[in-house]
Each structure stands twice: as structure tokens, then as C-alpha cells.
Amino acid sequence: MSFFTGLFSQYRGLRKEIYVLCFGRVVTNLGSMVWPMLTMILSQKLGLDAFTISVVMVGSMLIMLPASLLGGRLADKRNKKRVIVVCDSVSILCYLICAAVPLGYVSVGLMLVAGICQSMEWPSYNALVADLTLTKDRERAYSLQYLAANLGLVLSPTIAGVLFKNYLWLSFLISGVAIGLSTVLIALRIRDVTPVEDKSEAAAYQASDEGGSIWSVLRANRVLLLYLLGGSLCGAAYSQLSYLLPLDMGMVHGEDGALIYGTVSSLNCIIVVVFTPLITRLFRKLCETRKLQAGILLMGTGSLLFLICMGVIPVYYAAMLVLTWGEVFCTIADGPYLTNRIPASHRGRINSFSSVLSSVCYGACSLGVGWLYDNTGRIPSWALLVGMMAVSALLNAILIHKDRRAYPKLYANAES
């Protein structure tokens, strides 16, 4: 009984601002009904083919690259709370307009503007969590943020699947209202964003370097490039699931594919909610690089199941279970890994650089997958994703050994 009590008590003792951010994520993601259906909107509502959809995705990514870099600079140089509130306000307006006008290319453009604003605010959100936690508490804080985000997502994909056919406009309205509630909460309840002062030995690598550039930080921490490349490859491959799965399910199951995809996506969130506290507690002493390796291997296994078992509906849920375990391992390790190894003065810019690199990998992968899907079928497309995850696992195996030598103070209490 004490073990299960400890699953939730492990999140006690964080600053109240962390809990406000968590609740804001629950509310926001409860209304995140539009983006999971973007591929189906483009294919089934607007009639675009797979390659054209990939071009739209890559085009939006190219626009988001400078926005993400600007967001990182704003996170390091401006008040992070204000950046979040302003960006969210623009997103709210875009979704409310989408709800009021007929679905078309204007709606897609407004969705992309909202996505750009979300991309700009992400470095501030991520850096703010790091600013408000001690190094020893950071994994718990990121784990709680991830758990909160998925609590909100448990029902939204299934509701989106139900609304997709005849009431898509209502999804836009719900998204706008939900983000609005979250923004008001953050604006009114988060007042103190002063970074905590951490004097522990593990915080030795986080000393501010106000005069240094992002490139000087990366030159001094070359092992981070290995981490960023491996993580970007894995993330790019994993992100294609929201593109390939709807296409496959629409092809195999017709209009019922939207509802099936929605339930599979909701299962992803349920698994996150159930297993995030458990995995966080059971593997709290396992070093971050080994958590990343476990996550990459599990995600590769889940993708392989989708490759060989499309059409067998029960296997969808088994594959999503394995994939989501991998996602949990990677997510609870990812935020702490990066923020524990870079100067606090550069958290926003390094996070935005990571997003840009991930976007470049995502764009290249999207074009490749879209072309393969249209010209050679689904099997080569899925094989490409599995291969990318295999390369990512190889790079992370190298990282496991190099990281310990580069950051020995972070391994004092970690299991190897």
C-alpha cells in the first residue's frame, strides 16, 4: 500500500507555480482536438494526397524554424510568463475564427499560425519548469508536467473522432475556449518566476554564461550534439505516427478510421496517465541515458508491430501500449537530461535549437515517408521509421559511455 501511495506523494514539495503550470496543461490539452486530426482534415475533407500533405507539413515546419529560434531567445531575454500568455492569446483567436468560418484552406492557415505560436512558447514553458525546480527535483517536475498534459488528452482524441464527420467546427471552438481558460489561469496565478538558487554539486554544469553564445556552449559540450542528433532522429520517426496511422486506418477502415484512430490515440494518453508515476518511481535511480535507450527500443518495437499487423485492430492497441511505454521513458529523461547539462542562461536557446534540429529531421522524414507512401506503399514507409529508430538506438548506445565521462557529477546517485 505504501508503494502505491508513494506513486503520487513523489510529486509533493514542488513550487506552487509548477502545479499551476500542470493544471494549465490539463485544461489546454482537454481541448486539443484539432491537431491530431490534421492529416485526416487534409486528406478526407480537402482531398489532398499523401505527398501533398507531407509538403504542407514540411512547409509549415520551415515557417516554424525561425519562430522557434525567436521563441528561444525570448525565453532567455524576456519574461517567460508573458511570452506564454501572448502566444496563447494569438492561438485562441485563430481557433475561434476557425470555428466561425467554413472549413477550407483559410482554416488550415489559421491552424498553422496557432501552431507557430505554440512553437514559439514551448522554449519558455520548458525553461520555466527548469527555472522553478532544483536539479534533484527536475525529473519529478517534468514527469508531472507530462502526466498533466496527458490527463487532458485522455478524452480529446476520441471526442475529436466523434466530431470529425459532421461537427468539426465544434472541435475548433472547444480548443479555443480550453486554451483561453489555461491562459487566464497562468496569467493570474503565476506571479513569481524567479529561478531557484541551486548550490548542489549536481548543478555545477548549470552556471550562467551570460556572455556566451549558443555555439560556444555547444562547443564546450560536444556530447550534447550526439544526444540531440539521436533524439531528433527518434522524435522525427515517432512523430510520423500521427501521419501514417490516420492514412493507413483511413485506407483500411474508411470513415470509421477516424474513430479507430481517435480511440488508439486516447489509449496512448491513458497509458501515460497510468504508467508515468509508476515508471518515474521504479526507475528513479536509473541514469537518463539508459532511460532514453529503453524508450527508443520500445518505440521501435511498437512501430514494427504497426508495420506487420495493419488491419488487425486488437494489435493496434498492443502496439500503442509498447510505443507509449517507450514514450514515457524518453519524455521523463529528455527534459532533465538537457537542462542539467547546460547553463541556465541558455535554456531557452538550447531548447529552441533542439526543436529546430528535430524539425529539420521531421521535415526530411515527412517528405521521404510521403513519397514512399504514394509510390511504393505503406511497408517501405514504416520500414524507414523502424530503421531511423535503430540508428537512434545506436547513437544513444555511444552516448551512454561518453556522457558519464563528460558529466561525472551527475552520476553520483544514479544506477549505471
Protein backbone atom coordinates (compact mmCIF):
# COMPACT_ATOMS: atom_id res chain seq x y z
CA MET A 1 0.00 0.00 0.00
CA SER A 2 2.85 2.37 0.85
CA PHE A 3 4.30 1.79 -2.64
CA PHE A 4 1.11 2.94 -4.37
CA THR A 5 0.81 5.90 -2.01
CA GLY A 6 4.36 6.82 -2.95
CA LEU A 7 3.45 6.94 -6.64
CA PHE A 8 1.63 10.22 -6.07
CA SER A 9 3.41 11.51 -2.97
CA GLN A 10 6.60 11.64 -5.07
CA TYR A 11 5.19 14.79 -6.67
CA ARG A 12 4.88 16.67 -3.38
CA GLY A 13 7.17 19.52 -2.35
CA LEU A 14 7.49 21.36 -5.68
CA ARG A 15 6.86 25.09 -6.02
CA LYS A 16 3.20 26.05 -6.38
CA GLU A 17 3.90 27.57 -9.81
CA ILE A 18 4.75 24.07 -11.09
CA TYR A 19 1.30 22.85 -10.06
CA VAL A 20 -0.36 25.85 -11.76
CA LEU A 21 1.51 25.06 -14.98
CA CYS A 22 0.38 21.44 -14.66
CA PHE A 23 -3.27 22.34 -14.22
CA GLY A 24 -3.00 24.72 -17.16
CA ARG A 25 -1.74 21.85 -19.31
CA VAL A 26 -4.64 19.65 -18.24
CA VAL A 27 -7.16 22.29 -19.32
CA THR A 28 -5.35 23.15 -22.57
CA ASN A 29 -4.94 19.56 -23.71
CA LEU A 30 -8.52 18.71 -22.81
CA GLY A 31 -9.35 20.90 -25.79
CA SER A 32 -6.56 19.69 -28.09
CA MET A 33 -8.91 18.17 -30.61
CA VAL A 34 -7.74 19.63 -33.90
CA TRP A 35 -4.06 18.83 -34.44
CA PRO A 36 -4.43 15.03 -34.04
CA MET A 37 -6.89 15.16 -36.94
CA LEU A 38 -4.86 17.44 -39.25
CA THR A 39 -3.82 14.64 -41.60
CA MET A 40 -7.42 13.47 -41.92
CA ILE A 41 -8.64 17.04 -42.48
CA LEU A 42 -6.18 17.44 -45.35
CA SER A 43 -6.84 14.01 -46.86
CA GLN A 44 -10.55 13.35 -46.28
CA LYS A 45 -12.00 16.88 -46.05
CA LEU A 46 -9.76 18.69 -48.56
CA GLY A 47 -8.83 15.72 -50.78
CA LEU A 48 -5.03 16.05 -50.74
CA ASP A 49 -2.78 13.06 -51.48
CA ALA A 50 -0.09 11.76 -49.13
CA PHE A 51 2.84 13.57 -50.78
CA THR A 52 0.99 16.89 -50.92
CA ILE A 53 0.12 16.54 -47.25
CA SER A 54 3.79 15.94 -46.45
CA VAL A 55 4.70 19.10 -48.44
CA VAL A 56 2.19 21.10 -46.37
CA MET A 57 3.69 19.68 -43.18
CA VAL A 58 7.25 20.50 -44.28
CA GLY A 59 6.25 23.98 -45.42
CA SER A 60 4.74 24.72 -42.05
CA MET A 61 7.87 23.34 -40.39
CA LEU A 62 10.09 25.71 -42.43
CA ILE A 63 7.99 28.64 -41.22
CA MET A 64 8.19 27.40 -37.63
CA LEU A 65 12.01 27.19 -37.61
CA PRO A 66 12.70 30.94 -37.25
CA ALA A 67 9.70 31.22 -34.91
CA SER A 68 11.19 28.57 -32.63
CA LEU A 69 14.60 30.29 -32.62
CA LEU A 70 12.92 33.60 -31.80
CA GLY A 71 10.98 31.86 -29.04
CA GLY A 72 14.20 30.53 -27.53
CA ARG A 73 15.78 33.97 -27.49
CA LEU A 74 12.66 35.49 -25.94
CA ALA A 75 12.70 32.78 -23.27
CA ASP A 76 16.25 33.73 -22.25
CA LYS A 77 15.89 37.50 -22.57
CA ARG A 78 12.26 38.26 -21.64
CA ASN A 79 9.71 37.32 -19.00
CA LYS A 80 8.77 33.69 -19.79
CA LYS A 81 5.24 34.02 -18.40
CA ARG A 82 4.47 36.96 -20.69
CA VAL A 83 5.77 35.09 -23.72
CA ILE A 84 3.43 32.18 -22.93
CA VAL A 85 0.39 34.43 -22.40
CA VAL A 86 0.91 36.44 -25.62
CA CYS A 87 1.48 33.37 -27.79
CA ASP A 88 -1.52 31.58 -26.31
CA SER A 89 -3.72 34.61 -26.94
CA VAL A 90 -2.95 34.52 -30.66
CA SER A 91 -3.68 30.77 -30.75
CA ILE A 92 -7.05 31.32 -29.08
CA LEU A 93 -8.05 33.91 -31.67
CA CYS A 94 -7.06 31.59 -34.56
CA TYR A 95 -9.12 28.67 -33.26
CA LEU A 96 -12.19 30.82 -32.60
CA ILE A 97 -12.06 32.18 -36.16
CA CYS A 98 -11.73 28.60 -37.49
CA ALA A 99 -14.89 27.69 -35.60
CA ALA A 100 -16.78 30.59 -37.17
CA VAL A 101 -15.80 30.20 -40.86
CA PRO A 102 -16.39 27.30 -43.31
CA LEU A 103 -13.63 24.68 -43.35
CA GLY A 104 -11.08 25.36 -46.08
CA TYR A 105 -7.52 26.41 -46.74
CA VAL A 106 -8.02 29.53 -44.61
CA SER A 107 -8.76 27.23 -41.66
CA VAL A 108 -5.56 25.29 -42.31
CA GLY A 109 -3.60 28.55 -42.47
CA LEU A 110 -5.04 29.69 -39.14
CA MET A 111 -4.20 26.31 -37.62
CA LEU A 112 -0.61 26.76 -38.78
CA VAL A 113 -0.44 30.25 -37.24
CA ALA A 114 -1.67 28.77 -33.96
CA GLY A 115 0.96 26.03 -34.28
CA ILE A 116 3.69 28.63 -34.86
CA CYS A 117 2.67 30.42 -31.66
CA GLN A 118 2.75 27.13 -29.75
CA SER A 119 6.23 26.52 -31.16
CA MET A 120 7.37 29.97 -30.02
CA GLU A 121 6.10 29.49 -26.47
CA TRP A 122 7.49 25.99 -25.95
CA PRO A 123 11.08 27.08 -25.05
CA SER A 124 9.65 29.43 -22.41
CA TYR A 125 7.40 26.72 -20.96
CA ASN A 126 10.20 24.17 -20.84
CA ALA A 127 12.77 26.60 -19.43
CA LEU A 128 10.32 27.89 -16.82
CA VAL A 129 9.87 24.40 -15.40
CA ALA A 130 13.65 24.10 -15.10
CA ASP A 131 13.98 27.57 -13.55
CA LEU A 132 11.48 26.73 -10.83
CA THR A 133 12.99 23.40 -9.72
CA LEU A 134 16.16 22.18 -8.09
CA THR A 135 18.27 19.70 -10.05
CA LYS A 136 17.27 16.83 -7.74
CA ASP A 137 13.56 17.59 -8.30
CA ARG A 138 13.67 18.20 -12.04
CA GLU A 139 12.75 14.71 -13.20
CA ARG A 140 9.70 14.71 -10.92
CA ALA A 141 8.65 18.13 -12.24
CA TYR A 142 8.92 17.12 -15.90
CA SER A 143 7.21 13.83 -15.15
CA LEU A 144 4.32 15.70 -13.53
CA GLN A 145 4.06 18.11 -16.49
CA TYR A 146 3.93 15.16 -18.87
CA LEU A 147 1.33 13.40 -16.72
CA ALA A 148 -0.81 16.54 -16.57
CA ALA A 149 -0.63 17.05 -20.34
CA ASN A 150 -1.88 13.54 -20.96
CA LEU A 151 -4.63 13.75 -18.36
CA GLY A 152 -6.12 16.41 -20.59
CA LEU A 153 -5.55 14.34 -23.72
CA VAL A 154 -7.29 11.19 -22.48
CA LEU A 155 -10.67 12.10 -23.95
CA SER A 156 -9.92 14.76 -26.56
CA PRO A 157 -8.79 12.48 -29.47
CA THR A 158 -11.86 10.24 -29.09
CA ILE A 159 -14.18 13.28 -28.92
CA ALA A 160 -12.42 14.67 -32.00
CA GLY A 161 -13.02 11.37 -33.81
CA VAL A 162 -16.74 11.58 -32.97
CA LEU A 163 -16.99 15.23 -34.07
CA PHE A 164 -14.83 14.83 -37.20
CA LYS A 165 -17.55 13.79 -39.64
CA ASN A 166 -20.26 16.39 -39.01
CA TYR A 167 -19.20 18.77 -36.23
CA LEU A 168 -15.55 19.60 -36.86
CA TRP A 169 -16.22 23.29 -36.17
CA LEU A 170 -17.04 22.39 -32.58
CA SER A 171 -13.54 20.96 -32.13
CA PHE A 172 -12.07 24.37 -33.04
CA LEU A 173 -14.38 26.11 -30.59
CA ILE A 174 -13.55 23.75 -27.73
CA SER A 175 -9.81 24.15 -28.40
CA GLY A 176 -10.04 27.94 -28.32
CA VAL A 177 -12.06 28.03 -25.11
CA ALA A 178 -9.81 25.49 -23.34
CA ILE A 179 -6.59 27.34 -24.22
CA GLY A 180 -8.29 30.54 -23.07
CA LEU A 181 -9.04 29.09 -19.63
CA SER A 182 -5.44 27.88 -19.31
CA THR A 183 -4.06 31.29 -20.32
CA VAL A 184 -6.19 33.14 -17.78
CA LEU A 185 -5.07 30.70 -15.08
CA ILE A 186 -1.37 31.21 -15.86
CA ALA A 187 -1.76 34.99 -16.15
CA LEU A 188 -3.48 35.32 -12.76
CA ARG A 189 -1.92 32.58 -10.63
CA ILE A 190 1.77 32.59 -11.61
CA ARG A 191 3.37 35.67 -10.11
CA ASP A 192 6.87 34.62 -9.07
CA VAL A 193 9.09 33.33 -11.90
CA THR A 194 12.39 33.94 -10.09
CA PRO A 195 14.72 30.97 -10.76
CA VAL A 196 15.58 28.86 -7.71
CA GLU A 197 19.13 29.01 -6.38
CA ASP A 198 20.69 25.54 -6.57
CA LYS A 199 24.05 25.07 -4.84
CA SER A 200 24.24 21.28 -5.11
CA GLU A 201 27.19 19.56 -6.78
CA ALA A 202 24.86 18.22 -9.49
CA ALA A 203 24.09 21.83 -10.51
CA ALA A 204 27.74 22.56 -11.30
CA TYR A 205 27.14 22.39 -15.05
CA GLN A 206 24.27 24.93 -14.95
CA ALA A 207 26.22 28.07 -14.02
CA SER A 208 25.02 31.01 -16.13
CA ASP A 209 27.19 32.18 -19.02
CA GLU A 210 25.60 35.49 -19.97
CA GLY A 211 28.31 36.50 -22.47
CA GLY A 212 28.50 33.17 -24.29
CA SER A 213 26.67 32.26 -27.47
CA ILE A 214 24.74 29.08 -28.09
CA TRP A 215 27.60 27.88 -30.31
CA SER A 216 30.20 28.37 -27.56
CA VAL A 217 28.00 26.33 -25.20
CA LEU A 218 27.69 23.51 -27.73
CA ARG A 219 31.43 23.56 -28.47
CA ALA A 220 32.11 23.19 -24.76
CA ASN A 221 29.57 20.35 -24.51
CA ARG A 222 30.11 18.35 -27.72
CA VAL A 223 28.48 15.25 -26.28
CA LEU A 224 25.18 17.14 -26.39
CA LEU A 225 25.34 17.07 -30.20
CA LEU A 226 25.27 13.29 -30.08
CA TYR A 227 22.24 13.42 -27.82
CA LEU A 228 20.47 16.00 -29.99
CA LEU A 229 21.05 14.09 -33.22
CA GLY A 230 19.92 10.73 -31.80
CA GLY A 231 16.90 12.29 -30.13
CA SER A 232 15.93 14.20 -33.30
CA LEU A 233 16.02 11.04 -35.41
CA CYS A 234 13.88 9.13 -32.93
CA GLY A 235 11.49 12.05 -32.46
CA ALA A 236 11.12 12.56 -36.22
CA ALA A 237 10.31 8.88 -36.71
CA TYR A 238 7.86 8.82 -33.80
CA SER A 239 6.10 11.99 -34.98
CA GLN A 240 5.28 10.29 -38.29
CA LEU A 241 2.83 8.04 -36.45
CA SER A 242 0.31 10.89 -36.42
CA TYR A 243 0.71 10.99 -40.22
CA LEU A 244 0.95 7.32 -41.16
CA LEU A 245 -1.60 5.86 -38.76
CA PRO A 246 -4.52 8.03 -39.96
CA LEU A 247 -3.60 7.33 -43.59
CA ASP A 248 -3.39 3.59 -43.00
CA MET A 249 -6.55 3.43 -40.92
CA GLY A 250 -8.45 5.59 -43.40
CA MET A 251 -7.30 3.33 -46.24
CA VAL A 252 -8.18 0.09 -44.41
CA HIS A 253 -11.28 1.14 -42.45
CA GLY A 254 -12.71 4.09 -44.43
CA GLU A 255 -14.52 6.79 -42.45
CA ASP A 256 -14.51 4.51 -39.40
CA GLY A 257 -10.74 5.00 -39.39
CA ALA A 258 -11.13 8.41 -37.71
CA LEU A 259 -12.93 6.88 -34.72
CA ILE A 260 -10.48 3.95 -34.50
CA TYR A 261 -7.53 6.32 -34.67
CA GLY A 262 -9.13 8.51 -32.01
CA THR A 263 -9.55 5.59 -29.60
CA VAL A 264 -5.97 4.42 -30.22
CA SER A 265 -4.72 7.96 -29.51
CA SER A 266 -6.81 8.13 -26.34
CA LEU A 267 -5.32 4.81 -25.23
CA ASN A 268 -1.90 6.41 -25.59
CA CYS A 269 -2.93 9.08 -23.09
CA ILE A 270 -4.50 6.59 -20.68
CA ILE A 271 -1.30 4.54 -20.64
CA VAL A 272 0.73 7.68 -19.98
CA VAL A 273 -1.50 8.61 -17.05
CA VAL A 274 -1.32 5.10 -15.55
CA PHE A 275 2.35 4.34 -16.14
CA THR A 276 4.14 7.71 -15.83
CA PRO A 277 4.07 7.74 -11.99
CA LEU A 278 4.98 4.04 -11.91
CA ILE A 279 7.92 4.29 -14.31
CA THR A 280 9.13 7.51 -12.68
CA ARG A 281 9.25 5.87 -9.26
CA LEU A 282 10.56 2.42 -10.25
CA PHE A 283 13.37 3.79 -12.41
CA ARG A 284 14.15 6.99 -10.49
CA LYS A 285 17.79 5.96 -9.94
CA LEU A 286 18.40 4.79 -13.48
CA CYS A 287 20.57 7.27 -15.37
CA GLU A 288 18.87 9.37 -18.04
CA THR A 289 20.81 7.91 -20.97
CA ARG A 290 19.66 4.36 -20.16
CA LYS A 291 16.07 5.53 -19.81
CA LEU A 292 16.40 7.05 -23.27
CA GLN A 293 17.75 3.78 -24.65
CA ALA A 294 14.88 1.79 -23.16
CA GLY A 295 12.41 4.27 -24.63
CA ILE A 296 13.91 4.17 -28.14
CA LEU A 297 13.91 0.36 -28.22
CA LEU A 298 10.29 0.16 -27.05
CA MET A 299 9.15 2.71 -29.62
CA GLY A 300 10.97 0.82 -32.37
CA THR A 301 9.22 -2.39 -31.31
CA GLY A 302 5.79 -0.73 -31.34
CA SER A 303 6.40 0.71 -34.81
CA LEU A 304 7.41 -2.74 -36.04
CA LEU A 305 4.09 -4.12 -34.80
CA PHE A 306 2.20 -1.50 -36.79
CA LEU A 307 4.31 -2.36 -39.83
CA ILE A 308 3.43 -6.05 -39.83
CA CYS A 309 -0.09 -6.08 -38.34
CA MET A 310 -2.09 -3.29 -40.00
CA GLY A 311 -5.69 -4.46 -40.40
CA VAL A 312 -5.70 -6.45 -37.16
CA ILE A 313 -7.47 -3.98 -34.86
CA PRO A 314 -6.55 -5.60 -31.47
CA VAL A 315 -2.86 -5.36 -32.36
CA TYR A 316 -3.21 -1.58 -32.74
CA TYR A 317 -3.80 -1.32 -29.02
CA ALA A 318 -0.96 -3.70 -28.10
CA ALA A 319 1.42 -1.75 -30.35
CA MET A 320 0.31 1.53 -28.79
CA LEU A 321 0.93 0.10 -25.32
CA VAL A 322 4.54 -0.73 -26.19
CA LEU A 323 5.05 2.58 -28.02
CA THR A 324 3.71 4.56 -25.10
CA TRP A 325 5.94 2.84 -22.58
CA GLY A 326 8.82 3.98 -24.77
CA GLU A 327 7.41 7.49 -24.98
CA VAL A 328 7.18 7.69 -21.17
CA PHE A 329 10.81 6.59 -20.70
CA CYS A 330 12.06 9.12 -23.26
CA THR A 331 9.95 12.01 -22.01
CA ILE A 332 10.83 11.77 -18.32
CA ALA A 333 14.54 11.59 -19.26
CA ASP A 334 14.61 14.17 -22.04
CA GLY A 335 13.91 17.43 -20.17
CA PRO A 336 16.17 16.71 -17.19
CA TYR A 337 18.99 15.46 -19.43
CA LEU A 338 19.31 18.71 -21.33
CA THR A 339 18.60 21.24 -18.56
CA ASN A 340 21.01 19.54 -16.13
CA ARG A 341 23.92 19.91 -18.58
CA ILE A 342 23.61 23.44 -19.96
CA PRO A 343 23.99 26.93 -18.44
CA ALA A 344 20.73 28.27 -17.02
CA SER A 345 21.21 31.43 -19.13
CA HIS A 346 20.88 29.39 -22.34
CA ARG A 347 17.98 27.05 -21.58
CA GLY A 348 15.57 28.75 -23.95
CA ARG A 349 18.00 28.96 -26.87
CA ILE A 350 19.27 25.39 -26.48
CA ASN A 351 15.70 24.13 -26.27
CA SER A 352 14.78 26.06 -29.42
CA PHE A 353 17.90 24.74 -31.21
CA SER A 354 16.82 21.24 -30.23
CA SER A 355 13.36 21.97 -31.66
CA VAL A 356 14.86 23.29 -34.90
CA LEU A 357 17.06 20.23 -35.35
CA SER A 358 14.08 17.99 -34.63
CA SER A 359 12.02 19.93 -37.15
CA VAL A 360 14.66 19.54 -39.86
CA CYS A 361 14.77 15.78 -39.26
CA TYR A 362 10.98 15.72 -39.16
CA GLY A 363 10.74 17.61 -42.46
CA ALA A 364 13.18 15.34 -44.27
CA CYS A 365 11.45 12.28 -42.82
CA SER A 366 7.99 13.58 -43.78
CA LEU A 367 9.00 14.14 -47.40
CA GLY A 368 10.61 10.70 -47.58
CA VAL A 369 7.67 8.96 -45.97
CA GLY A 370 5.13 10.84 -48.10
CA TRP A 371 6.96 9.97 -51.34
CA LEU A 372 7.40 6.34 -50.31
CA TYR A 373 3.75 6.00 -49.29
CA ASP A 374 2.48 7.34 -52.63
CA ASN A 375 4.96 5.48 -54.84
CA THR A 376 5.84 2.24 -53.09
CA GLY A 377 3.12 1.71 -50.47
CA ARG A 378 2.94 1.61 -46.70
CA ILE A 379 5.54 -1.08 -45.95
CA PRO A 380 8.64 0.89 -47.09
CA SER A 381 7.31 3.94 -45.22
CA TRP A 382 7.07 2.06 -41.94
CA ALA A 383 10.41 0.33 -42.60
CA LEU A 384 12.05 3.77 -42.88
CA LEU A 385 10.73 4.72 -39.43
CA VAL A 386 11.95 1.49 -37.84
CA GLY A 387 15.36 2.00 -39.44
CA MET A 388 15.62 5.56 -38.10
CA MET A 389 14.86 4.33 -34.60
CA ALA A 390 17.54 1.66 -34.96
CA VAL A 391 20.11 4.35 -35.88
CA SER A 392 18.94 6.46 -32.94
CA ALA A 393 19.43 3.49 -30.59
CA LEU A 394 22.98 3.04 -31.91
CA LEU A 395 23.84 6.71 -31.34
CA ASN A 396 22.38 6.55 -27.84
CA ALA A 397 24.48 3.46 -27.04
CA ILE A 398 27.56 5.58 -27.79
CA LEU A 399 26.12 8.44 -25.73
CA ILE A 400 25.74 6.19 -22.67
CA HIS A 401 29.51 5.79 -22.41
CA LYS A 402 30.56 9.32 -23.40
CA ASP A 403 28.09 11.09 -21.14
CA ARG A 404 29.41 9.51 -17.95
CA ARG A 405 32.90 10.74 -18.73
CA ALA A 406 31.71 14.23 -19.65
CA TYR A 407 29.38 14.81 -16.64
CA PRO A 408 30.62 12.63 -13.75
CA LYS A 409 28.95 14.76 -11.03
CA LEU A 410 25.50 13.81 -12.34
CA TYR A 411 26.16 10.10 -11.75
CA ALA A 412 26.84 10.14 -8.01
CA ASN A 413 23.47 8.59 -7.10
CA ALA A 414 22.44 7.06 -10.41
CA GLU A 415 22.35 3.42 -11.41
CA SER A 416 24.54 2.71 -14.43
